[in-house]
Every structure is written in structure tokens, then in C-alpha cells.
N, C-alpha and C. Protein backbone atom coordinates (compact mmCIF):
# COMPACT_ATOMS: atom_id res chain seq x y z
N MET A 1 96.15 126.02 84.22
CA MET A 1 95.30 126.81 85.10
C MET A 1 96.02 128.11 85.42
N ALA A 2 95.32 129.18 85.29
CA ALA A 2 95.92 130.50 85.52
C ALA A 2 96.00 130.81 87.00
N GLY A 3 96.85 131.74 87.32
CA GLY A 3 96.96 132.21 88.69
C GLY A 3 98.34 131.97 89.25
N THR A 4 98.61 132.71 90.30
CA THR A 4 99.88 132.55 90.99
C THR A 4 99.82 131.31 91.88
N ILE A 5 100.97 130.94 92.39
CA ILE A 5 101.00 129.81 93.33
C ILE A 5 100.13 130.12 94.54
N ASP A 6 100.19 131.34 95.05
CA ASP A 6 99.35 131.70 96.19
C ASP A 6 97.87 131.59 95.86
N GLU A 7 97.48 132.00 94.65
CA GLU A 7 96.08 131.88 94.25
C GLU A 7 95.66 130.42 94.14
N LEU A 8 96.53 129.60 93.55
CA LEU A 8 96.22 128.17 93.45
C LEU A 8 96.13 127.53 94.84
N ALA A 9 97.07 127.88 95.71
CA ALA A 9 97.05 127.32 97.07
C ALA A 9 95.78 127.75 97.80
N GLY A 10 95.37 128.99 97.61
CA GLY A 10 94.12 129.46 98.22
C GLY A 10 92.92 128.68 97.72
N LYS A 11 92.93 128.40 96.43
CA LYS A 11 91.83 127.62 95.85
C LYS A 11 91.84 126.19 96.42
N VAL A 12 93.03 125.60 96.58
CA VAL A 12 93.14 124.27 97.17
C VAL A 12 92.59 124.27 98.59
N VAL A 13 92.99 125.24 99.40
CA VAL A 13 92.52 125.30 100.78
C VAL A 13 91.00 125.44 100.82
N ARG A 14 90.45 126.33 100.01
CA ARG A 14 88.99 126.51 99.99
C ARG A 14 88.27 125.24 99.52
N ARG A 15 88.82 124.59 98.50
CA ARG A 15 88.22 123.36 97.97
C ARG A 15 88.23 122.26 99.02
N LEU A 16 89.36 122.09 99.70
CA LEU A 16 89.45 121.05 100.72
C LEU A 16 88.53 121.38 101.91
N GLN A 17 88.49 122.65 102.30
CA GLN A 17 87.58 123.05 103.40
C GLN A 17 86.14 122.74 103.03
N ALA A 18 85.74 123.08 101.81
CA ALA A 18 84.35 122.86 101.38
C ALA A 18 84.01 121.38 101.37
N GLY A 19 84.99 120.54 101.06
CA GLY A 19 84.74 119.10 101.02
C GLY A 19 84.99 118.40 102.34
N GLY A 20 85.46 119.15 103.36
CA GLY A 20 85.79 118.53 104.64
C GLY A 20 86.95 117.55 104.51
N LEU A 21 87.91 117.86 103.65
CA LEU A 21 89.01 116.95 103.34
C LEU A 21 90.33 117.42 103.93
N MET A 22 91.18 116.46 104.27
CA MET A 22 92.52 116.74 104.77
C MET A 22 93.54 116.31 103.71
N LEU A 23 94.67 117.02 103.67
CA LEU A 23 95.72 116.82 102.69
C LEU A 23 97.02 116.38 103.35
N ALA A 24 97.74 115.50 102.68
CA ALA A 24 99.12 115.16 103.04
C ALA A 24 99.98 115.32 101.79
N THR A 25 101.23 115.73 101.98
CA THR A 25 102.16 115.84 100.88
C THR A 25 103.35 114.92 101.12
N ALA A 26 103.89 114.39 100.03
CA ALA A 26 105.14 113.61 100.07
C ALA A 26 106.02 114.23 98.99
N GLU A 27 107.03 114.97 99.41
CA GLU A 27 107.80 115.77 98.48
C GLU A 27 109.27 115.39 98.49
N SER A 28 109.81 115.26 97.30
CA SER A 28 111.24 115.02 97.16
C SER A 28 111.88 116.29 96.59
N CYS A 29 111.87 116.48 95.28
CA CYS A 29 112.60 117.61 94.69
C CYS A 29 112.06 118.97 95.10
N THR A 30 110.83 119.04 95.56
CA THR A 30 110.28 120.33 96.01
C THR A 30 110.56 120.61 97.48
N GLY A 31 111.06 119.64 98.21
CA GLY A 31 111.53 119.86 99.57
C GLY A 31 110.55 120.53 100.52
N GLY A 32 109.27 120.30 100.35
CA GLY A 32 108.28 120.87 101.25
C GLY A 32 107.61 122.14 100.73
N LEU A 33 107.92 122.54 99.50
CA LEU A 33 107.35 123.78 98.97
C LEU A 33 105.84 123.73 98.77
N VAL A 34 105.31 122.55 98.46
CA VAL A 34 103.85 122.44 98.30
C VAL A 34 103.16 122.65 99.65
N ALA A 35 103.66 121.96 100.66
CA ALA A 35 103.11 122.16 102.01
C ALA A 35 103.30 123.61 102.44
N GLY A 36 104.43 124.19 102.09
CA GLY A 36 104.68 125.59 102.41
C GLY A 36 103.70 126.52 101.73
N ALA A 37 103.38 126.26 100.48
CA ALA A 37 102.41 127.09 99.76
C ALA A 37 101.03 127.00 100.42
N VAL A 38 100.66 125.78 100.80
CA VAL A 38 99.35 125.60 101.43
C VAL A 38 99.31 126.30 102.79
N THR A 39 100.38 126.16 103.59
CA THR A 39 100.37 126.78 104.92
C THR A 39 100.50 128.28 104.85
N GLY A 40 100.80 128.83 103.70
CA GLY A 40 100.81 130.28 103.53
C GLY A 40 99.41 130.87 103.45
N ILE A 41 98.41 130.02 103.40
CA ILE A 41 97.02 130.46 103.27
C ILE A 41 96.32 130.35 104.62
N ALA A 42 95.68 131.43 105.02
CA ALA A 42 94.90 131.41 106.27
C ALA A 42 93.84 130.32 106.20
N GLY A 43 93.71 129.57 107.27
CA GLY A 43 92.75 128.48 107.32
C GLY A 43 93.32 127.13 106.93
N SER A 44 94.60 127.12 106.56
CA SER A 44 95.21 125.86 106.11
C SER A 44 95.29 124.81 107.21
N SER A 45 95.29 125.25 108.47
CA SER A 45 95.38 124.26 109.56
C SER A 45 94.16 123.34 109.58
N ALA A 46 93.06 123.76 108.96
CA ALA A 46 91.87 122.92 108.89
C ALA A 46 91.98 121.85 107.82
N VAL A 47 92.97 121.98 106.91
CA VAL A 47 93.03 121.04 105.78
C VAL A 47 94.36 120.33 105.59
N LEU A 48 95.44 120.81 106.18
CA LEU A 48 96.73 120.15 105.99
C LEU A 48 97.03 119.28 107.19
N ASP A 49 97.05 117.97 106.96
CA ASP A 49 97.35 117.04 108.04
C ASP A 49 98.85 117.00 108.30
N ARG A 50 99.64 116.75 107.25
CA ARG A 50 101.10 116.67 107.41
C ARG A 50 101.77 116.68 106.05
N GLY A 51 103.06 117.00 106.11
CA GLY A 51 103.89 116.95 104.92
C GLY A 51 105.13 116.12 105.21
N PHE A 52 105.45 115.23 104.28
CA PHE A 52 106.65 114.41 104.38
C PHE A 52 107.66 114.94 103.37
N VAL A 53 108.82 115.36 103.85
CA VAL A 53 109.91 115.71 102.95
C VAL A 53 110.79 114.48 102.86
N THR A 54 110.66 113.77 101.76
CA THR A 54 111.36 112.50 101.57
C THR A 54 112.39 112.68 100.46
N TYR A 55 113.37 113.51 100.74
CA TYR A 55 114.37 113.87 99.74
C TYR A 55 115.28 112.69 99.40
N SER A 56 115.68 111.96 100.40
CA SER A 56 116.56 110.81 100.16
C SER A 56 115.74 109.55 99.92
N ASN A 57 116.38 108.58 99.29
CA ASN A 57 115.71 107.29 99.08
C ASN A 57 115.39 106.63 100.41
N ALA A 58 116.30 106.75 101.38
CA ALA A 58 116.05 106.17 102.71
C ALA A 58 114.82 106.79 103.35
N ALA A 59 114.64 108.09 103.19
CA ALA A 59 113.46 108.75 103.75
C ALA A 59 112.18 108.24 103.09
N LYS A 60 112.23 108.03 101.80
CA LYS A 60 111.05 107.50 101.10
C LYS A 60 110.67 106.15 101.70
N THR A 61 111.66 105.33 101.96
CA THR A 61 111.41 103.99 102.51
C THR A 61 111.00 104.06 103.98
N GLU A 62 111.75 104.78 104.79
CA GLU A 62 111.52 104.80 106.23
C GLU A 62 110.26 105.58 106.63
N MET A 63 109.98 106.70 105.98
CA MET A 63 108.87 107.55 106.39
C MET A 63 107.53 107.15 105.81
N ILE A 64 107.53 106.72 104.53
CA ILE A 64 106.25 106.44 103.89
C ILE A 64 106.18 105.06 103.24
N GLY A 65 107.17 104.23 103.51
CA GLY A 65 107.08 102.83 103.12
C GLY A 65 107.29 102.50 101.66
N VAL A 66 107.97 103.37 100.91
CA VAL A 66 108.27 103.01 99.52
C VAL A 66 109.28 101.86 99.55
N PRO A 67 108.98 100.75 98.90
CA PRO A 67 109.90 99.61 98.94
C PRO A 67 111.26 99.95 98.31
N ALA A 68 112.33 99.67 99.04
CA ALA A 68 113.68 99.93 98.53
C ALA A 68 113.94 99.21 97.21
N PRO A 69 113.49 97.95 97.04
CA PRO A 69 113.71 97.29 95.76
C PRO A 69 113.02 98.01 94.58
N LEU A 70 111.91 98.66 94.84
CA LEU A 70 111.22 99.43 93.79
C LEU A 70 112.08 100.62 93.37
N ILE A 71 112.64 101.32 94.35
CA ILE A 71 113.52 102.45 94.04
C ILE A 71 114.74 101.96 93.26
N GLU A 72 115.29 100.83 93.68
CA GLU A 72 116.47 100.28 93.01
C GLU A 72 116.17 99.87 91.57
N SER A 73 115.02 99.29 91.34
CA SER A 73 114.70 98.80 89.99
C SER A 73 114.19 99.89 89.05
N GLU A 74 113.38 100.81 89.56
CA GLU A 74 112.76 101.83 88.72
C GLU A 74 113.45 103.18 88.77
N GLY A 75 114.20 103.41 89.84
CA GLY A 75 114.79 104.72 90.08
C GLY A 75 113.82 105.58 90.87
N ALA A 76 114.35 106.49 91.68
CA ALA A 76 113.50 107.33 92.52
C ALA A 76 112.59 108.23 91.69
N VAL A 77 113.05 108.60 90.50
CA VAL A 77 112.25 109.47 89.64
C VAL A 77 111.55 108.59 88.61
N SER A 78 110.36 108.13 88.98
CA SER A 78 109.59 107.22 88.13
C SER A 78 108.12 107.27 88.53
N CYS A 79 107.29 106.84 87.62
CA CYS A 79 105.86 106.76 87.88
C CYS A 79 105.58 105.86 89.07
N SER A 80 106.21 104.69 89.09
CA SER A 80 105.90 103.71 90.14
C SER A 80 106.32 104.22 91.52
N VAL A 81 107.42 104.95 91.61
CA VAL A 81 107.83 105.49 92.90
C VAL A 81 106.91 106.64 93.32
N ALA A 82 106.51 107.50 92.38
CA ALA A 82 105.57 108.58 92.72
C ALA A 82 104.26 107.99 93.25
N GLU A 83 103.78 106.93 92.60
CA GLU A 83 102.54 106.30 93.07
C GLU A 83 102.73 105.63 94.43
N ALA A 84 103.87 104.99 94.65
CA ALA A 84 104.13 104.40 95.97
C ALA A 84 104.24 105.48 97.04
N MET A 85 104.83 106.61 96.67
CA MET A 85 104.93 107.73 97.62
C MET A 85 103.54 108.24 98.02
N VAL A 86 102.66 108.41 97.05
CA VAL A 86 101.34 108.96 97.37
C VAL A 86 100.52 107.97 98.19
N LYS A 87 100.65 106.68 97.87
CA LYS A 87 99.96 105.66 98.67
C LYS A 87 100.51 105.65 100.10
N GLY A 88 101.82 105.79 100.23
CA GLY A 88 102.44 105.83 101.55
C GLY A 88 102.03 107.05 102.34
N ALA A 89 101.89 108.19 101.67
CA ALA A 89 101.46 109.40 102.36
C ALA A 89 100.04 109.23 102.90
N LEU A 90 99.18 108.62 102.12
CA LEU A 90 97.82 108.36 102.62
C LEU A 90 97.84 107.37 103.78
N ALA A 91 98.63 106.33 103.66
CA ALA A 91 98.68 105.28 104.68
C ALA A 91 99.30 105.76 105.99
N HIS A 92 100.20 106.73 105.92
CA HIS A 92 100.90 107.21 107.11
C HIS A 92 100.38 108.56 107.60
N SER A 93 99.14 108.86 107.26
CA SER A 93 98.55 110.13 107.68
C SER A 93 97.06 109.92 107.93
N ARG A 94 96.41 110.99 108.26
CA ARG A 94 94.95 110.98 108.42
C ARG A 94 94.29 111.72 107.26
N ALA A 95 95.02 111.85 106.17
CA ALA A 95 94.55 112.63 105.03
C ALA A 95 93.58 111.84 104.16
N ASP A 96 92.73 112.60 103.47
CA ASP A 96 91.80 112.06 102.49
C ASP A 96 92.37 112.19 101.08
N VAL A 97 93.29 113.13 100.92
CA VAL A 97 93.91 113.44 99.64
C VAL A 97 95.41 113.56 99.88
N ALA A 98 96.20 113.02 98.96
CA ALA A 98 97.66 113.17 99.08
C ALA A 98 98.23 113.48 97.71
N VAL A 99 99.37 114.16 97.74
CA VAL A 99 100.11 114.45 96.52
C VAL A 99 101.56 114.08 96.75
N ALA A 100 102.21 113.54 95.71
CA ALA A 100 103.62 113.16 95.79
C ALA A 100 104.36 113.72 94.59
N ILE A 101 105.60 114.14 94.82
CA ILE A 101 106.44 114.73 93.78
C ILE A 101 107.83 114.14 93.89
N THR A 102 108.38 113.66 92.76
CA THR A 102 109.75 113.19 92.72
C THR A 102 110.33 113.55 91.36
N GLY A 103 111.47 114.20 91.35
CA GLY A 103 112.01 114.65 90.08
C GLY A 103 113.47 115.06 90.16
N ILE A 104 113.95 115.57 89.04
CA ILE A 104 115.33 116.03 88.91
C ILE A 104 115.30 117.53 88.63
N ALA A 105 115.57 118.32 89.66
CA ALA A 105 115.50 119.78 89.52
C ALA A 105 116.76 120.36 88.89
N GLY A 106 117.87 119.63 88.98
CA GLY A 106 119.11 120.10 88.37
C GLY A 106 119.90 120.99 89.31
N PRO A 107 120.99 121.54 88.86
CA PRO A 107 121.41 121.52 87.47
C PRO A 107 122.02 120.19 87.02
N GLY A 108 122.50 119.36 87.93
CA GLY A 108 123.06 118.06 87.57
C GLY A 108 122.07 116.96 87.88
N GLY A 109 122.54 115.72 87.74
CA GLY A 109 121.75 114.57 88.13
C GLY A 109 120.91 113.96 87.04
N GLY A 110 120.86 114.59 85.88
CA GLY A 110 120.05 114.06 84.80
C GLY A 110 120.83 113.08 83.94
N SER A 111 120.10 112.40 83.07
CA SER A 111 120.68 111.47 82.11
C SER A 111 119.86 111.58 80.82
N THR A 112 120.24 110.84 79.81
CA THR A 112 119.46 110.84 78.57
C THR A 112 118.05 110.33 78.83
N ALA A 113 117.94 109.26 79.59
CA ALA A 113 116.63 108.67 79.87
C ALA A 113 115.82 109.51 80.86
N LYS A 114 116.51 110.11 81.80
CA LYS A 114 115.85 110.93 82.83
C LYS A 114 116.57 112.27 82.92
N PRO A 115 116.18 113.19 82.04
CA PRO A 115 116.89 114.47 81.98
C PRO A 115 116.50 115.42 83.12
N VAL A 116 117.34 116.41 83.31
CA VAL A 116 117.01 117.49 84.24
C VAL A 116 115.66 118.07 83.83
N GLY A 117 114.82 118.31 84.80
CA GLY A 117 113.49 118.85 84.54
C GLY A 117 112.40 117.79 84.47
N LEU A 118 112.77 116.50 84.55
CA LEU A 118 111.79 115.42 84.58
C LEU A 118 111.22 115.31 85.99
N VAL A 119 109.90 115.40 86.12
CA VAL A 119 109.25 115.30 87.42
C VAL A 119 108.02 114.41 87.28
N HIS A 120 107.89 113.47 88.22
CA HIS A 120 106.71 112.61 88.29
C HIS A 120 105.86 113.04 89.47
N PHE A 121 104.57 113.11 89.22
CA PHE A 121 103.58 113.50 90.23
C PHE A 121 102.56 112.39 90.38
N ALA A 122 102.06 112.22 91.59
CA ALA A 122 100.91 111.36 91.82
C ALA A 122 100.03 112.05 92.84
N VAL A 123 98.74 111.98 92.62
CA VAL A 123 97.78 112.52 93.57
C VAL A 123 96.73 111.43 93.76
N ALA A 124 96.25 111.29 95.00
CA ALA A 124 95.35 110.18 95.28
C ALA A 124 94.33 110.51 96.35
N THR A 125 93.22 109.83 96.24
CA THR A 125 92.22 109.73 97.30
C THR A 125 92.08 108.23 97.57
N ASP A 126 91.16 107.86 98.42
CA ASP A 126 90.95 106.43 98.65
C ASP A 126 90.31 105.76 97.44
N ARG A 127 89.86 106.54 96.47
CA ARG A 127 89.16 105.98 95.31
C ARG A 127 89.94 106.07 94.00
N ALA A 128 90.92 106.95 93.92
CA ALA A 128 91.58 107.16 92.62
C ALA A 128 93.02 107.62 92.81
N ILE A 129 93.84 107.28 91.82
CA ILE A 129 95.20 107.79 91.75
C ILE A 129 95.40 108.36 90.35
N LEU A 130 95.94 109.56 90.29
CA LEU A 130 96.31 110.18 89.02
C LEU A 130 97.82 110.32 88.99
N HIS A 131 98.42 110.04 87.86
CA HIS A 131 99.86 110.24 87.68
C HIS A 131 100.06 111.24 86.54
N ARG A 132 101.07 112.05 86.68
CA ARG A 132 101.43 112.96 85.60
C ARG A 132 102.95 113.01 85.53
N GLU A 133 103.46 112.92 84.32
CA GLU A 133 104.89 113.11 84.07
C GLU A 133 105.06 114.44 83.36
N CYS A 134 105.93 115.27 83.87
CA CYS A 134 106.22 116.55 83.24
C CYS A 134 107.70 116.62 82.91
N ARG A 135 107.99 117.15 81.75
CA ARG A 135 109.37 117.39 81.34
C ARG A 135 109.50 118.90 81.15
N PHE A 136 109.88 119.55 82.23
CA PHE A 136 109.97 121.01 82.22
C PHE A 136 111.21 121.50 81.47
N GLY A 137 112.19 120.63 81.30
CA GLY A 137 113.43 121.00 80.65
C GLY A 137 114.42 121.58 81.64
N ASP A 138 115.60 121.85 81.15
CA ASP A 138 116.68 122.39 81.99
C ASP A 138 116.50 123.91 82.09
N ILE A 139 115.46 124.30 82.82
CA ILE A 139 115.07 125.72 82.94
C ILE A 139 115.62 126.37 84.20
N GLY A 140 116.41 125.64 84.94
CA GLY A 140 116.96 126.14 86.20
C GLY A 140 116.27 125.49 87.37
N ARG A 141 117.04 125.24 88.41
CA ARG A 141 116.55 124.53 89.59
C ARG A 141 115.30 125.18 90.19
N ASN A 142 115.36 126.46 90.43
CA ASN A 142 114.22 127.14 91.05
C ASN A 142 112.99 127.11 90.16
N ALA A 143 113.18 127.25 88.86
CA ALA A 143 112.04 127.23 87.93
C ALA A 143 111.40 125.85 87.87
N VAL A 144 112.20 124.79 87.90
CA VAL A 144 111.66 123.43 87.92
C VAL A 144 110.85 123.23 89.19
N ARG A 145 111.39 123.66 90.31
CA ARG A 145 110.69 123.49 91.59
C ARG A 145 109.39 124.30 91.61
N GLU A 146 109.43 125.53 91.11
CA GLU A 146 108.22 126.36 91.08
C GLU A 146 107.16 125.75 90.16
N ALA A 147 107.57 125.29 88.99
CA ALA A 147 106.63 124.65 88.08
C ALA A 147 106.04 123.38 88.70
N SER A 148 106.84 122.69 89.48
CA SER A 148 106.38 121.47 90.15
C SER A 148 105.34 121.78 91.22
N VAL A 149 105.54 122.84 91.97
CA VAL A 149 104.55 123.24 92.98
C VAL A 149 103.23 123.58 92.29
N ARG A 150 103.31 124.34 91.23
CA ARG A 150 102.11 124.72 90.47
C ARG A 150 101.38 123.46 89.98
N GLN A 151 102.12 122.53 89.39
CA GLN A 151 101.51 121.30 88.86
C GLN A 151 100.87 120.49 89.98
N ALA A 152 101.54 120.38 91.12
CA ALA A 152 100.99 119.62 92.25
C ALA A 152 99.67 120.23 92.73
N LEU A 153 99.63 121.54 92.86
CA LEU A 153 98.40 122.21 93.30
C LEU A 153 97.28 122.00 92.28
N GLU A 154 97.62 122.07 91.00
CA GLU A 154 96.61 121.85 89.96
C GLU A 154 96.07 120.41 90.01
N LEU A 155 96.94 119.45 90.29
CA LEU A 155 96.49 118.05 90.39
C LEU A 155 95.57 117.84 91.59
N ILE A 156 95.87 118.50 92.69
CA ILE A 156 94.98 118.40 93.86
C ILE A 156 93.60 118.92 93.48
N LEU A 157 93.55 120.03 92.77
CA LEU A 157 92.27 120.58 92.32
C LEU A 157 91.58 119.62 91.34
N GLU A 158 92.35 118.96 90.50
CA GLU A 158 91.80 118.05 89.52
C GLU A 158 91.14 116.83 90.18
N ILE A 159 91.73 116.33 91.26
CA ILE A 159 91.19 115.12 91.89
C ILE A 159 90.10 115.45 92.91
N THR A 160 89.94 116.73 93.25
CA THR A 160 88.90 117.14 94.20
C THR A 160 87.97 118.16 93.52
N PRO A 161 87.21 117.71 92.54
CA PRO A 161 86.35 118.65 91.80
C PRO A 161 85.31 119.31 92.70
N SER A 162 84.94 120.51 92.30
CA SER A 162 83.95 121.27 93.06
C SER A 162 82.86 121.77 92.13
N ALA A 163 81.65 121.74 92.61
CA ALA A 163 80.52 122.23 91.82
C ALA A 163 80.48 123.75 91.82
N THR A 164 81.21 124.40 92.73
CA THR A 164 81.13 125.86 92.83
C THR A 164 82.18 126.60 92.04
N ASP A 165 83.14 125.89 91.43
CA ASP A 165 84.19 126.57 90.65
C ASP A 165 83.72 127.00 89.29
């Protein structure tokens, strides 16, 4: 999807406003950047319920209920943890839509199985969950985080279709 992060965030805010929907974010490697992008748009207070910055594994467990054994068995950067994060964000908020991001922004922390630039996303409503795995590569910490914000905003738009777009 074309456009700057600000343009995508504006589209998300307008889409959620039109649908009367509230958003929650659960962010690890992006550290709140998705919520920050949304709050940069006038009118965002009508659509953003809350953002959880769950950078540590303990925060994932304590704030949004991701089971510690799941993190231990699958690793924090996994499809199952991203999905547990998004379910937890919905359960611990008043949101209708939630997005979760967990990944390895680098420059360190990667492995052969889970390289730097690997990011798992989940977006959910009460009716559906979408997961996406992206391998952005070792493009630099800021670039991985920026690409992750863009992908998260695009997924929110994907799960909240609009007849007017």
C-alpha cells in the first residue's frame, strides 16, 4: 500500500471513525510507534483505546496475559505469541480491533532460525485473526521498526474493510 506512515495512520483513523471502532495496540519491537503514529492524527482520541508496550517477556505475561510457558516453548518472536498478544490486547481493553507486533529489530539478537528483521504481526477483531510474518532482513534497527509500523497499519486496514476506499 502506498503512502507515508502519516498517510496510512490517517486512513486508519478515518476508517475506524467511520466504523465506530476502537483500537488497541500490543507492541514489542516497535515500542509504541504504532500507537504514536495513530495519535499523531487529529481525531485519534475517538478511536485509540490504549496501547500496551510489552517489550519484555514479563510485560507480555503481566499486562496482556501471554502465557509464560508459550513464550518459553515458542520464543517471544513467533506466530503463536503474536496471536496471544493480540487476543490479550482485545481482552484487556475496550477495543474492537487490536494489532500486535513482536520481532527482532537488531542489530543483534538474531539467529539462523530467527534472523534480525524477522517480525510477526497479528491483527484481530472479535470475529477474525490475521497473522503475517515478515522478514525485512538486516536493514538496520530503525528501518525494521519503520517497516513494522507500516505493516501494522496496513493490516489494520486489511481487517477493517471500507466500502468508501
